[in-house]
Every structure is written in C-alpha cells, then in structure tokens.
C-alpha cells in the first residue's frame, strides 16, 4: 500500500498493492495495521455504498463537528470524478478544490479528512461507490455547498445543465454562505 500526498494538507490518495494473475486480482482495500504503518490512525465506524447512473452528481456534502467525518472513498464498479473542497478556515488551502478520477480499474482511493466537503460525478454508464467513515451520520450536523458555486469553478466532467442532481443538492448555498464550523 502506498500513499500520495496532494497539494492540500491531510488529503491523501491511497494506492493499494494489487496482486494479479490469470485468475484476476486481489488487494487489501483497507488494513488498520498498514494504515498505522503509514501514519494514518483513523477508527472507521461505518461503511456506506451508493450506486448511480451516468450523469449523476452528488454533493458537495459535509458534517459539522462534533460529527465531522473522515471518509475513505473507492469505486467498486465504473468511474467517477471525485471532488474534495477544503473548508478549514485557517488552512492556507481554504476553498481550494481537489479533483481525482477514481475507478474500479485504477483502484485508487481518496482519504478525505474532517473539514472537507465531498462530492462526485458519474462518468460511466453506472458506478458503485463505497466509503468508510470515522463518525456516524448525524442529520442535524449535515451541511453542503452548491455544486456549481462560481467561486470554486469545479470541472465535474459533464454538462451541468444535463446533470442528475437531487433537489436537496440544488438548493445548497455557495461556500461564502455555508454553515461550515471548521
């Protein structure tokens, strides 16, 4: 297992060691021991899985303290453009956007720490996404940023006018008006 640091502190790409042969492949998607060896000490308590069709855009979501979540995101099937936005007001990268292609083929994972908004868009016919969380979901702590915030200028890899977006995500505020407590 290898980690790649991004230009945003604490936002990490995890690249598993994949063992392949004529039968297929095997890899450990998560090992507490290996994460600890890499200096990552997180106690995950919940796994979530979603399935979406092409053109779906989910996010940008976060939970405020004390229920803020660190997420380890991976794609089981298909491809997504995964997005993380730094909401930590004292961070030199506050408001900066990180984008990565996550796919079943590349097997990369993104470790999104507490203090970030997260979202993704589906660019294949379908995609199945699984993510681990270090806090349980708490509805009263949820927040979000509108996906088309002009100050973020996010490239979701699709025509936003044709995107499939939930009603809830369509009415989220821009970053300057969000209720982030980070």
Protein backbone atom coordinates (compact mmCIF):
# COMPACT_ATOMS: atom_id res chain seq x y z
CA UNK A 1 0.00 0.00 0.00
CA UNK A 2 1.29 3.44 -0.93
CA UNK A 3 0.08 6.93 -0.10
CA UNK A 4 0.43 10.01 -2.29
CA UNK A 5 0.16 13.40 -0.65
CA UNK A 6 -1.79 16.05 -2.52
CA UNK A 7 -1.24 19.81 -2.58
CA UNK A 8 -3.81 20.07 0.22
CA UNK A 9 -2.51 19.06 3.66
CA UNK A 10 -4.09 15.84 5.02
CA UNK A 11 -5.88 14.99 1.74
CA UNK A 12 -4.28 11.70 0.67
CA UNK A 13 -4.51 9.31 -2.28
CA UNK A 14 -4.21 5.66 -1.26
CA UNK A 15 -2.85 3.24 -3.84
CA UNK A 16 -3.25 -0.41 -2.82
CA UNK A 17 -0.77 -3.10 -3.77
CA UNK A 18 -2.58 -5.25 -6.31
CA UNK A 19 -1.69 -8.90 -6.87
CA UNK A 20 -2.89 -10.13 -10.25
CA UNK A 21 -2.62 -13.31 -12.26
CA UNK A 22 -4.65 -15.27 -14.81
CA UNK A 23 -7.48 -15.67 -12.27
CA UNK A 24 -7.92 -11.96 -11.69
CA UNK A 25 -6.60 -9.84 -8.84
CA UNK A 26 -6.53 -9.40 -5.07
CA UNK A 27 -5.78 -6.40 -2.89
CA UNK A 28 -6.37 -5.16 0.62
CA UNK A 29 -8.56 -2.08 0.30
CA UNK A 30 -8.10 -1.33 4.00
CA UNK A 31 -5.83 -2.64 6.73
CA UNK A 32 -5.69 -0.81 10.04
CA UNK A 33 -2.15 -2.13 10.60
CA UNK A 34 -0.93 -0.90 7.21
CA UNK A 35 -2.62 2.46 7.67
CA UNK A 36 -0.94 2.82 11.07
CA UNK A 37 2.42 1.95 9.46
CA UNK A 38 1.76 4.81 7.01
CA UNK A 39 1.00 7.21 9.88
CA UNK A 40 -2.78 7.16 9.42
CA UNK A 41 -4.64 6.46 12.67
CA UNK A 42 -8.37 6.51 11.97
CA UNK A 43 -11.07 4.43 13.62
CA UNK A 44 -13.65 3.79 10.93
CA UNK A 45 -17.14 3.02 12.28
CA UNK A 46 -19.45 2.93 9.26
CA UNK A 47 -19.32 1.77 5.63
CA UNK A 48 -21.61 3.34 3.03
CA UNK A 49 -22.26 2.24 -0.53
CA UNK A 50 -24.03 4.04 -3.35
CA UNK A 51 -25.00 3.18 -6.91
CA UNK A 52 -25.58 5.88 -9.51
CA UNK A 53 -26.13 6.13 -13.23
CA UNK A 54 -24.21 8.24 -15.73
CA UNK A 55 -24.75 11.96 -15.33
CA UNK A 56 -25.44 11.77 -11.60
CA UNK A 57 -23.80 14.44 -9.47
CA UNK A 58 -23.76 14.05 -5.69
CA UNK A 59 -22.52 16.70 -3.30
CA UNK A 60 -20.86 18.70 -2.06
CA UNK A 61 -21.57 17.37 1.46
CA UNK A 62 -20.01 17.53 4.92
CA UNK A 63 -20.94 17.10 8.57
CA UNK A 64 -20.04 19.73 11.16
CA UNK A 65 -18.27 18.93 14.45
CA UNK A 66 -18.68 17.03 16.66
CA UNK A 67 -19.96 14.65 13.96
CA UNK A 68 -17.49 15.65 11.22
CA UNK A 69 -16.45 12.67 9.11
CA UNK A 70 -13.22 11.44 7.60
CA UNK A 71 -14.05 9.37 4.52
CA UNK A 72 -12.07 6.76 2.59
CA UNK A 73 -13.67 6.63 -0.85
CA UNK A 74 -13.25 3.96 -3.52
CA UNK A 75 -15.06 2.83 -6.64
CA UNK A 76 -16.22 -0.78 -6.90
CA UNK A 77 -17.54 -0.51 -10.47
CA UNK A 78 -17.31 2.28 -13.06
CA UNK A 79 -15.61 5.68 -12.90
CA UNK A 80 -16.24 8.90 -11.05
CA UNK A 81 -14.72 12.32 -10.81
CA UNK A 82 -14.24 12.73 -7.09
CA UNK A 83 -14.11 16.22 -5.57
CA UNK A 84 -12.91 17.49 -2.19
CA UNK A 85 -13.08 21.14 -1.07
CA UNK A 86 -11.07 22.38 1.90
CA UNK A 87 -13.42 24.09 4.39
CA UNK A 88 -10.86 24.62 7.17
CA UNK A 89 -10.94 28.40 7.54
CA UNK A 90 -7.39 28.60 8.98
CA UNK A 91 -5.92 26.42 6.24
CA UNK A 92 -3.79 28.06 3.53
CA UNK A 93 -5.79 25.97 1.04
CA UNK A 94 -9.23 27.05 2.32
CA UNK A 95 -11.69 26.97 -0.58
CA UNK A 96 -9.31 25.05 -2.84
CA UNK A 97 -10.68 22.18 -4.89
CA UNK A 98 -9.02 18.80 -5.41
CA UNK A 99 -10.21 16.57 -8.27
CA UNK A 100 -9.27 12.96 -9.00
CA UNK A 101 -10.52 10.19 -11.27
CA UNK A 102 -11.40 7.17 -9.15
CA UNK A 103 -12.30 3.95 -10.92
CA UNK A 104 -12.66 0.23 -10.45
CA UNK A 105 -9.77 -0.09 -12.87
CA UNK A 106 -7.23 2.23 -11.18
CA UNK A 107 -8.30 1.08 -7.67
CA UNK A 108 -7.14 4.38 -6.15
CA UNK A 109 -8.85 5.63 -3.01
CA UNK A 110 -9.16 9.14 -1.64
CA UNK A 111 -8.85 9.82 2.07
CA UNK A 112 -10.92 12.93 2.72
CA UNK A 113 -10.34 14.22 6.27
CA UNK A 114 -12.74 16.07 8.50
CA UNK A 115 -13.05 19.69 7.40
CA UNK A 116 -13.74 18.99 3.74
CA UNK A 117 -16.84 18.99 1.57
CA UNK A 118 -17.06 15.98 -0.73
CA UNK A 119 -18.90 15.09 -3.91
CA UNK A 120 -18.61 13.14 -7.13
CA UNK A 121 -19.97 12.82 -10.65
CA UNK A 122 -20.53 9.57 -12.54
CA UNK A 123 -18.90 9.47 -15.98
CA UNK A 124 -19.53 5.82 -16.94
CA UNK A 125 -22.90 4.18 -17.58
CA UNK A 126 -23.10 3.30 -13.87
CA UNK A 127 -20.84 3.43 -10.82
CA UNK A 128 -20.82 1.79 -7.41
CA UNK A 129 -19.00 3.69 -4.70
CA UNK A 130 -18.06 2.53 -1.21
CA UNK A 131 -16.71 4.72 1.53
CA UNK A 132 -15.68 4.24 5.11
CA UNK A 133 -16.50 6.91 7.72
CA UNK A 134 -14.99 7.58 11.14
CA UNK A 135 -18.23 9.09 12.51
CA UNK A 136 -21.84 8.01 12.23
CA UNK A 137 -24.22 10.04 10.09
CA UNK A 138 -25.95 12.82 12.02
CA UNK A 139 -28.68 14.70 10.14
CA UNK A 140 -28.54 17.77 12.40
CA UNK A 141 -24.82 18.19 11.59
CA UNK A 142 -25.06 17.93 7.80
CA UNK A 143 -24.13 20.79 5.54
CA UNK A 144 -23.24 21.37 1.94
CA UNK A 145 -22.07 23.64 -0.82
CA UNK A 146 -23.78 24.07 -4.17
CA UNK A 147 -22.03 22.09 -6.89
CA UNK A 148 -21.98 25.00 -9.36
CA UNK A 149 -20.53 27.63 -7.00
CA UNK A 150 -18.78 30.01 -9.42
CA UNK A 151 -16.01 30.79 -6.92
CA UNK A 152 -15.00 27.10 -6.91
CA UNK A 153 -15.20 26.64 -10.71
CA UNK A 154 -15.34 22.84 -10.45
CA UNK A 155 -14.99 20.75 -13.61
CA UNK A 156 -17.37 17.86 -12.97
CA UNK A 157 -16.62 16.32 -16.38
CA UNK A 158 -20.18 16.77 -17.62
CA UNK A 159 -22.70 19.30 -18.85
CA UNK A 160 -24.16 20.64 -15.60
CA UNK A 161 -27.43 21.54 -17.33
CA UNK A 162 -27.97 17.82 -18.00
CA UNK A 163 -26.67 16.58 -14.62
CA UNK A 164 -28.94 14.47 -12.43
CA UNK A 165 -28.88 16.31 -9.10
CA UNK A 166 -31.10 15.81 -6.06
CA UNK A 167 -33.45 18.60 -5.05
CA UNK A 168 -31.55 18.85 -1.76
CA UNK A 169 -28.22 19.44 -3.58
CA UNK A 170 -29.76 22.01 -5.94
CA UNK A 171 -30.63 24.36 -3.09
CA UNK A 172 -27.35 24.22 -1.15
CA UNK A 173 -25.62 27.57 -0.52
CA UNK A 174 -22.38 28.77 -2.10
CA UNK A 175 -19.23 28.40 0.01
CA UNK A 176 -19.36 32.01 1.21
CA UNK A 177 -22.79 31.34 2.77
CA UNK A 178 -22.37 27.77 4.01
CA UNK A 179 -22.67 26.90 7.69
CA UNK A 180 -19.28 25.19 7.99
CA UNK A 181 -17.89 25.20 11.55
CA UNK A 182 -14.34 24.18 10.57
